[in-house]
Protein backbone atom coordinates (compact mmCIF):
# COMPACT_ATOMS: atom_id res chain seq x y z
CA MET A 1 74.87 24.18 -34.55
CA SER A 2 77.40 22.95 -32.01
CA ALA A 3 78.79 26.47 -31.60
CA TYR A 4 75.35 27.67 -30.53
CA LEU A 5 75.14 24.94 -27.93
CA ILE A 6 78.53 25.95 -26.56
CA TYR A 7 77.42 29.59 -26.32
CA LEU A 8 74.19 28.51 -24.66
CA THR A 9 76.09 26.38 -22.17
CA TYR A 10 78.46 29.24 -21.31
CA GLY A 11 75.50 31.57 -20.94
CA MET A 12 73.75 29.19 -18.56
CA LEU A 13 76.95 28.72 -16.54
CA GLY A 14 77.31 32.50 -16.34
CA ILE A 15 73.76 32.89 -15.05
CA LEU A 16 74.33 30.13 -12.51
CA PHE A 17 77.56 31.78 -11.37
CA LEU A 18 75.83 35.16 -10.93
CA PHE A 19 72.97 33.51 -9.01
CA THR A 20 75.49 31.82 -6.69
CA VAL A 21 77.40 35.05 -6.10
CA ILE A 22 74.21 36.99 -5.33
CA LYS A 23 72.89 34.31 -2.94
CA SER A 24 76.26 34.11 -1.18
CA PHE A 25 76.37 37.89 -0.78
CA LEU A 26 72.83 37.97 0.65
CA TYR A 27 73.68 35.15 3.04
CA MET A 28 76.78 36.97 4.30
CA ARG A 29 74.79 40.19 4.83
CA SER A 30 72.00 38.54 6.83
CA PRO A 31 72.34 38.82 10.60
CA LYS A 32 73.30 35.53 12.18
CA GLN A 33 72.82 34.92 15.86
CA ALA A 34 73.43 31.70 17.69
CA PRO A 35 70.38 30.54 19.64
CA GLU A 36 70.46 30.77 23.43
CA ARG A 37 71.13 27.63 25.45
CA ALA A 38 67.54 27.59 26.77
CA GLU A 39 66.16 27.88 23.25
CA LEU A 40 68.29 24.94 22.09
CA ASP A 41 67.09 22.85 25.02
CA GLU A 42 63.46 23.71 24.23
CA ARG A 43 63.90 22.81 20.55
CA LEU A 44 65.50 19.51 21.49
CA LEU A 45 62.72 18.62 23.91
CA ASN A 46 60.04 19.54 21.37
CA THR A 47 61.72 17.39 18.73
CA LEU A 48 61.99 14.42 21.08
CA ASN A 49 58.38 14.78 22.22
CA ASP A 50 57.16 14.93 18.62
CA ARG A 51 59.03 11.73 17.81
CA ARG A 52 57.56 9.96 20.83
CA GLU A 53 54.03 10.99 19.84
CA ARG A 54 54.50 9.58 16.33
CA GLU A 55 55.49 6.14 17.59
């Protein structure tokens, strides 16, 4: 019975490894653009205003 658990564990690790490789590949392929300075400022102001409204 312990041999089956070892095979099952290796199988699960293999699936996890494949999932990680696929997700990493998709992440590297996706276009990444840094936000503009004005967009960062707007996000920051919106975040600060939301926090003030909650208080």
